[in-house]
C-alpha atoms as a PDB file:
ATOM      1  CA  UNK A   1      -5.624 -13.719-140.041  1.00  0.00           C
ATOM      2  CA  UNK A   2      -2.102 -15.248-140.276  1.00  0.00           C
ATOM      3  CA  UNK A   3      -1.347 -16.924-136.602  1.00  0.00           C
ATOM      4  CA  UNK A   4       0.849 -19.759-135.246  1.00  0.00           C
ATOM      5  CA  UNK A   5      -0.912 -22.707-133.691  1.00  0.00           C
ATOM      6  CA  UNK A   6       1.677 -25.351-133.313  1.00  0.00           C
ATOM      7  CA  UNK A   7       5.009 -26.625-134.035  1.00  0.00           C
ATOM      8  CA  UNK A   8       6.468 -30.354-135.189  1.00  0.00           C
ATOM      9  CA  UNK A   9       8.787 -32.284-136.520  1.00  0.00           C
ATOM     10  CA  UNK A  10      12.305 -30.790-134.839  1.00  0.00           C
ATOM     11  CA  UNK A  11      15.434 -31.941-137.050  1.00  0.00           C
ATOM     12  CA  UNK A  12      19.009 -31.559-136.855  1.00  0.00           C
ATOM     13  CA  UNK A  13      22.089 -32.199-138.625  1.00  0.00           C
ATOM     14  CA  UNK A  14      25.405 -31.727-138.133  1.00  0.00           C
ATOM     15  CA  UNK A  15      27.454 -29.913-140.574  1.00  0.00           C
ATOM     16  CA  UNK A  16      30.116 -32.291-142.986  1.00  0.00           C
ATOM     17  CA  UNK A  17      31.775 -29.542-145.102  1.00  0.00           C
ATOM     18  CA  UNK A  18      31.701 -25.699-145.419  1.00  0.00           C
ATOM     19  CA  UNK A  19      33.526 -23.923-148.477  1.00  0.00           C
ATOM     20  CA  UNK A  20      32.600 -19.836-148.079  1.00  0.00           C
ATOM     21  CA  UNK A  21      30.965 -19.129-151.178  1.00  0.00           C
ATOM     22  CA  UNK A  22      29.926 -22.447-152.507  1.00  0.00           C
ATOM     23  CA  UNK A  23      28.404 -24.714-150.151  1.00  0.00           C
ATOM     24  CA  UNK A  24      27.434 -26.458-147.057  1.00  0.00           C
ATOM     25  CA  UNK A  25      26.911 -30.147-146.607  1.00  0.00           C
ATOM     26  CA  UNK A  26      25.503 -31.874-143.865  1.00  0.00           C
ATOM     27  CA  UNK A  27      25.797 -35.517-142.190  1.00  0.00           C
ATOM     28  CA  UNK A  28      22.872 -37.803-142.013  1.00  0.00           C
ATOM     29  CA  UNK A  29      20.237 -36.008-139.413  1.00  0.00           C
ATOM     30  CA  UNK A  30      17.901 -36.962-136.583  1.00  0.00           C
ATOM     31  CA  UNK A  31      14.372 -36.051-135.507  1.00  0.00           C
ATOM     32  CA  UNK A  32      15.307 -34.420-132.154  1.00  0.00           C
ATOM     33  CA  UNK A  33      12.482 -35.201-130.029  1.00  0.00           C
ATOM     34  CA  UNK A  34       8.768 -34.059-130.083  1.00  0.00           C
ATOM     35  CA  UNK A  35       9.070 -29.984-129.967  1.00  0.00           C
ATOM     36  CA  UNK A  36       7.368 -28.244-126.968  1.00  0.00           C
ATOM     37  CA  UNK A  37       8.356 -24.557-128.390  1.00  0.00           C
ATOM     38  CA  UNK A  38      11.297 -22.397-130.362  1.00  0.00           C
ATOM     39  CA  UNK A  39      12.022 -18.881-129.563  1.00  0.00           C
ATOM     40  CA  UNK A  40      14.147 -17.104-132.089  1.00  0.00           C
ATOM     41  CA  UNK A  41      15.540 -13.594-131.957  1.00  0.00           C
ATOM     42  CA  UNK A  42      16.785 -11.876-134.919  1.00  0.00           C
ATOM     43  CA  UNK A  43      20.394  -9.809-134.322  1.00  0.00           C
ATOM     44  CA  UNK A  44      20.442  -6.416-136.348  1.00  0.00           C
ATOM     45  CA  UNK A  45      22.678  -3.778-137.051  1.00  0.00           C
ATOM     46  CA  UNK A  46      21.453  -0.826-136.048  1.00  0.00           C
ATOM     47  CA  UNK A  47      23.138   1.769-137.465  1.00  0.00           C
ATOM     48  CA  UNK A  48      21.850   4.906-138.455  1.00  0.00           C
ATOM     49  CA  UNK A  49      23.403   7.696-140.997  1.00  0.00           C
ATOM     50  CA  UNK A  50      22.749  11.223-140.160  1.00  0.00           C
ATOM     51  CA  UNK A  51      23.321  14.922-142.310  1.00  0.00           C
ATOM     52  CA  UNK A  52      21.857  18.428-141.920  1.00  0.00           C
ATOM     53  CA  UNK A  53      19.952  16.946-138.692  1.00  0.00           C
ATOM     54  CA  UNK A  54      18.013  14.432-140.705  1.00  0.00           C
ATOM     55  CA  UNK A  55      18.364  10.900-141.198  1.00  0.00           C
ATOM     56  CA  UNK A  56      19.928  10.133-144.590  1.00  0.00           C
ATOM     57  CA  UNK A  57      19.895   6.240-144.262  1.00  0.00           C
ATOM     58  CA  UNK A  58      20.230   3.129-142.237  1.00  0.00           C
ATOM     59  CA  UNK A  59      21.034  -0.205-141.750  1.00  0.00           C
ATOM     60  CA  UNK A  60      18.855  -2.562-139.897  1.00  0.00           C
ATOM     61  CA  UNK A  61      20.434  -6.242-141.993  1.00  0.00           C
ATOM     62  CA  UNK A  62      20.859  -9.722-140.076  1.00  0.00           C
ATOM     63  CA  UNK A  63      24.019 -10.066-138.515  1.00  0.00           C
ATOM     64  CA  UNK A  64      23.425 -13.401-136.333  1.00  0.00           C
ATOM     65  CA  UNK A  65      20.416 -14.715-134.273  1.00  0.00           C
ATOM     66  CA  UNK A  66      19.431 -16.767-131.151  1.00  0.00           C
ATOM     67  CA  UNK A  67      17.021 -19.516-130.985  1.00  0.00           C
ATOM     68  CA  UNK A  68      15.874 -21.226-127.788  1.00  0.00           C
ATOM     69  CA  UNK A  69      14.644 -24.677-128.514  1.00  0.00           C
ATOM     70  CA  UNK A  70      12.635 -26.643-125.894  1.00  0.00           C
ATOM     71  CA  UNK A  71      11.991 -30.587-126.606  1.00  0.00           C
ATOM     72  CA  UNK A  72       9.580 -33.135-125.189  1.00  0.00           C
ATOM     73  CA  UNK A  73      12.981 -34.120-123.770  1.00  0.00           C
ATOM     74  CA  UNK A  74      16.547 -35.590-125.114  1.00  0.00           C
ATOM     75  CA  UNK A  75      17.450 -39.069-124.842  1.00  0.00           C
ATOM     76  CA  UNK A  76      21.647 -39.430-124.323  1.00  0.00           C
ATOM     77  CA  UNK A  77      22.021 -39.988-127.592  1.00  0.00           C
ATOM     78  CA  UNK A  78      20.377 -36.815-128.933  1.00  0.00           C
ATOM     79  CA  UNK A  79      22.176 -34.940-126.232  1.00  0.00           C
ATOM     80  CA  UNK A  80      25.495 -36.188-127.303  1.00  0.00           C
ATOM     81  CA  UNK A  81      24.451 -35.201-130.930  1.00  0.00           C
ATOM     82  CA  UNK A  82      23.815 -31.562-130.392  1.00  0.00           C
ATOM     83  CA  UNK A  83      25.908 -30.893-127.473  1.00  0.00           C
ATOM     84  CA  UNK A  84      29.028 -32.567-128.506  1.00  0.00           C
ATOM     85  CA  UNK A  85      29.488 -34.869-125.583  1.00  0.00           C
ATOM     86  CA  UNK A  86      31.748 -37.687-125.658  1.00  0.00           C
ATOM     87  CA  UNK A  87      30.608 -41.431-125.374  1.00  0.00           C
ATOM     88  CA  UNK A  88      32.610 -44.205-124.087  1.00  0.00           C
ATOM     89  CA  UNK A  89      31.494 -47.662-122.459  1.00  0.00           C
ATOM     90  CA  UNK A  90      28.034 -46.452-122.390  1.00  0.00           C
ATOM     91  CA  UNK A  91      29.086 -43.152-120.416  1.00  0.00           C
ATOM     92  CA  UNK A  92      28.386 -39.547-121.953  1.00  0.00           C
ATOM     93  CA  UNK A  93      31.236 -37.269-120.602  1.00  0.00           C
ATOM     94  CA  UNK A  94      30.334 -33.095-120.879  1.00  0.00           C
ATOM     95  CA  UNK A  95      33.965 -31.877-121.821  1.00  0.00           C
ATOM     96  CA  UNK A  96      34.831 -28.186-122.320  1.00  0.00           C
ATOM     97  CA  UNK A  97      34.668 -28.860-126.341  1.00  0.00           C
ATOM     98  CA  UNK A  98      32.358 -26.698-128.254  1.00  0.00           C
ATOM     99  CA  UNK A  99      29.210 -28.007-129.085  1.00  0.00           C
ATOM    100  CA  UNK A 100      29.451 -29.125-133.188  1.00  0.00           C
ATOM    101  CA  UNK A 101      27.851 -26.583-135.863  1.00  0.00           C
ATOM    102  CA  UNK A 102      24.359 -28.328-136.929  1.00  0.00           C
ATOM    103  CA  UNK A 103      21.728 -27.168-139.427  1.00  0.00           C
ATOM    104  CA  UNK A 104      18.291 -26.725-137.741  1.00  0.00           C
ATOM    105  CA  UNK A 105      14.696 -27.240-139.122  1.00  0.00           C
ATOM    106  CA  UNK A 106      11.519 -27.594-138.082  1.00  0.00           C
ATOM    107  CA  UNK A 107       7.596 -26.835-138.710  1.00  0.00           C
ATOM    108  CA  UNK A 108       5.489 -24.197-137.706  1.00  0.00           C
ATOM    109  CA  UNK A 109       1.606 -24.800-138.081  1.00  0.00           C
ATOM    110  CA  UNK A 110      -0.061 -21.328-139.218  1.00  0.00           C
ATOM    111  CA  UNK A 111      -4.031 -21.159-139.100  1.00  0.00           C
ATOM    112  CA  UNK A 112      -4.908 -17.937-141.680  1.00  0.00           C
ATOM    113  CA  UNK A 113      -7.722 -17.095-143.747  1.00  0.00           C
ATOM    114  CA  UNK A 114      -7.206 -17.858-147.390  1.00  0.00           C
ATOM    115  CA  UNK A 115      -8.287 -15.731-150.294  1.00  0.00           C
ATOM    116  CA  UNK A 116     -11.773 -17.057-150.072  1.00  0.00           C
ATOM    117  CA  UNK A 117     -12.534 -15.958-146.566  1.00  0.00           C
ATOM    118  CA  UNK A 118     -11.990 -19.576-145.395  1.00  0.00           C
ATOM    119  CA  UNK A 119      -9.542 -20.453-142.433  1.00  0.00           C
ATOM    120  CA  UNK A 120      -7.265 -22.980-143.379  1.00  0.00           C
ATOM    121  CA  UNK A 121      -3.632 -24.744-141.956  1.00  0.00           C
ATOM    122  CA  UNK A 122      -0.675 -24.015-143.637  1.00  0.00           C
ATOM    123  CA  UNK A 123       2.694 -25.479-142.539  1.00  0.00           C
ATOM    124  CA  UNK A 124       6.319 -23.492-142.952  1.00  0.00           C
ATOM    125  CA  UNK A 125       9.000 -25.654-143.041  1.00  0.00           C
ATOM    126  CA  UNK A 126      12.499 -23.408-141.537  1.00  0.00           C
ATOM    127  CA  UNK A 127      15.736 -24.706-141.963  1.00  0.00           C
ATOM    128  CA  UNK A 128      18.746 -22.846-139.954  1.00  0.00           C
ATOM    129  CA  UNK A 129      21.889 -23.337-141.593  1.00  0.00           C
ATOM    130  CA  UNK A 130      24.149 -23.278-138.932  1.00  0.00           C
ATOM    131  CA  UNK A 131      24.446 -23.078-135.120  1.00  0.00           C
ATOM    132  CA  UNK A 132      25.604 -24.415-132.154  1.00  0.00           C
ATOM    133  CA  UNK A 133      23.234 -25.571-128.852  1.00  0.00           C
ATOM    134  CA  UNK A 134      24.249 -25.474-125.763  1.00  0.00           C
ATOM    135  CA  UNK A 135      22.306 -25.639-122.257  1.00  0.00           C
ATOM    136  CA  UNK A 136      22.575 -23.128-119.739  1.00  0.00           C
ATOM    137  CA  UNK A 137      20.747 -24.487-116.645  1.00  0.00           C
ATOM    138  CA  UNK A 138      18.916 -28.199-115.985  1.00  0.00           C
ATOM    139  CA  UNK A 139      16.650 -28.284-112.894  1.00  0.00           C
ATOM    140  CA  UNK A 140      15.441 -31.660-111.260  1.00  0.00           C
ATOM    141  CA  UNK A 141      12.390 -31.448-108.363  1.00  0.00           C
ATOM    142  CA  UNK A 142      11.200 -33.981-106.264  1.00  0.00           C
ATOM    143  CA  UNK A 143       7.974 -35.154-107.310  1.00  0.00           C
ATOM    144  CA  UNK A 144       4.825 -33.473-105.798  1.00  0.00           C
ATOM    145  CA  UNK A 145       1.246 -33.454-105.427  1.00  0.00           C
ATOM    146  CA  UNK A 146       0.868 -31.700-108.476  1.00  0.00           C
ATOM    147  CA  UNK A 147       3.547 -32.681-111.175  1.00  0.00           C
ATOM    148  CA  UNK A 148       5.534 -29.771-112.688  1.00  0.00           C
ATOM    149  CA  UNK A 149       7.132 -31.068-115.957  1.00  0.00           C
ATOM    150  CA  UNK A 150      10.634 -29.934-117.016  1.00  0.00           C
ATOM    151  CA  UNK A 151      12.269 -30.466-119.980  1.00  0.00           C
ATOM    152  CA  UNK A 152      15.785 -28.799-121.122  1.00  0.00           C
ATOM    153  CA  UNK A 153      16.071 -25.610-123.221  1.00  0.00           C
ATOM    154  CA  UNK A 154      18.688 -25.943-125.628  1.00  0.00           C
ATOM    155  CA  UNK A 155      20.027 -22.163-126.096  1.00  0.00           C
ATOM    156  CA  UNK A 156      21.183 -21.903-129.990  1.00  0.00           C
ATOM    157  CA  UNK A 157      23.547 -19.253-131.577  1.00  0.00           C
ATOM    158  CA  UNK A 158      23.093 -18.949-135.289  1.00  0.00           C
ATOM    159  CA  UNK A 159      26.110 -17.683-137.659  1.00  0.00           C
ATOM    160  CA  UNK A 160      25.324 -17.332-141.359  1.00  0.00           C
ATOM    161  CA  UNK A 161      26.989 -18.813-144.121  1.00  0.00           C
ATOM    162  CA  UNK A 162      27.751 -17.499-147.735  1.00  0.00           C
ATOM    163  CA  UNK A 163      26.604 -19.907-150.003  1.00  0.00           C
ATOM    164  CA  UNK A 164      27.318 -18.305-153.214  1.00  0.00           C
ATOM    165  CA  UNK A 165      30.291 -16.112-155.016  1.00  0.00           C
ATOM    166  CA  UNK A 166      27.958 -12.807-154.350  1.00  0.00           C
ATOM    167  CA  UNK A 167      27.761 -10.846-150.846  1.00  0.00           C
ATOM    168  CA  UNK A 168      24.863 -11.941-149.472  1.00  0.00           C
ATOM    169  CA  UNK A 169      25.642 -14.116-145.898  1.00  0.00           C
ATOM    170  CA  UNK A 170      22.284 -16.447-145.375  1.00  0.00           C
ATOM    171  CA  UNK A 171      21.140 -17.739-141.829  1.00  0.00           C
ATOM    172  CA  UNK A 172      17.709 -19.210-142.939  1.00  0.00           C
ATOM    173  CA  UNK A 173      15.408 -20.613-145.521  1.00  0.00           C
ATOM    174  CA  UNK A 174      11.471 -21.050-144.952  1.00  0.00           C
ATOM    175  CA  UNK A 175       9.111 -22.290-147.111  1.00  0.00           C
ATOM    176  CA  UNK A 176       5.210 -22.391-146.768  1.00  0.00           C
ATOM    177  CA  UNK A 177       3.231 -26.130-147.511  1.00  0.00           C
ATOM    178  CA  UNK A 178      -0.472 -26.762-147.651  1.00  0.00           C
ATOM    179  CA  UNK A 179       0.098 -30.340-146.088  1.00  0.00           C
ATOM    180  CA  UNK A 180       1.649 -31.467-143.099  1.00  0.00           C
ATOM    181  CA  UNK A 181       3.705 -34.064-145.104  1.00  0.00           C
ATOM    182  CA  UNK A 182       5.096 -32.060-147.165  1.00  0.00           C
ATOM    183  CA  UNK A 183       6.366 -29.455-144.973  1.00  0.00           C
ATOM    184  CA  UNK A 184       7.945 -32.204-142.761  1.00  0.00           C
ATOM    185  CA  UNK A 185       9.464 -34.084-145.936  1.00  0.00           C
ATOM    186  CA  UNK A 186      10.751 -30.880-146.745  1.00  0.00           C
ATOM    187  CA  UNK A 187      12.811 -30.054-143.403  1.00  0.00           C
ATOM    188  CA  UNK A 188      13.579 -34.155-143.310  1.00  0.00           C
ATOM    189  CA  UNK A 189      15.244 -33.541-146.804  1.00  0.00           C
ATOM    190  CA  UNK A 190      17.095 -30.659-145.595  1.00  0.00           C
ATOM    191  CA  UNK A 191      18.826 -32.647-142.767  1.00  0.00           C
ATOM    192  CA  UNK A 192      18.965 -35.454-145.219  1.00  0.00           C
ATOM    193  CA  UNK A 193      16.666 -37.685-143.522  1.00  0.00           C
ATOM    194  CA  UNK A 194      15.292 -40.322-145.715  1.00  0.00           C
END
């Protein structure tokens, strides 16, 4: 068994500099809110090459991704940080400007059966190098007999970064830890949060 049973510590950091072929750096990041869910979809090339009526080769490399993230809610500051809203005299204004590029990370809590046959938790720290978040739709309703909890879903579109002089394009990195503390420290470190 190796199943996902939780998600914690969503963090983001705006991109400070990115020079293709060398590095990417971030401004000091933020813990966004409590995590509710994230849905990651990898976009892949789907090229097939045929000859003599048989498949000779195929390509299924990653070309990008979408990441829909649902936080427990967004403060005005977190919303402005992720979506690029302007702030003046305490007001937050949605403009036609694109959202900033951000690095984004979180910890996936996994339950697995170890080599001894014992069920244990492990913790995957995930870091996505560069994406833009947007909010497609939001809803507000009156309070009724049964409360329906509503939180915004941030729709992220990720792009690749070239972190070295080679040909490889990187989209995300992840590492598994035995303790939650170590995994949280990993994603916070990626976001520059001390």
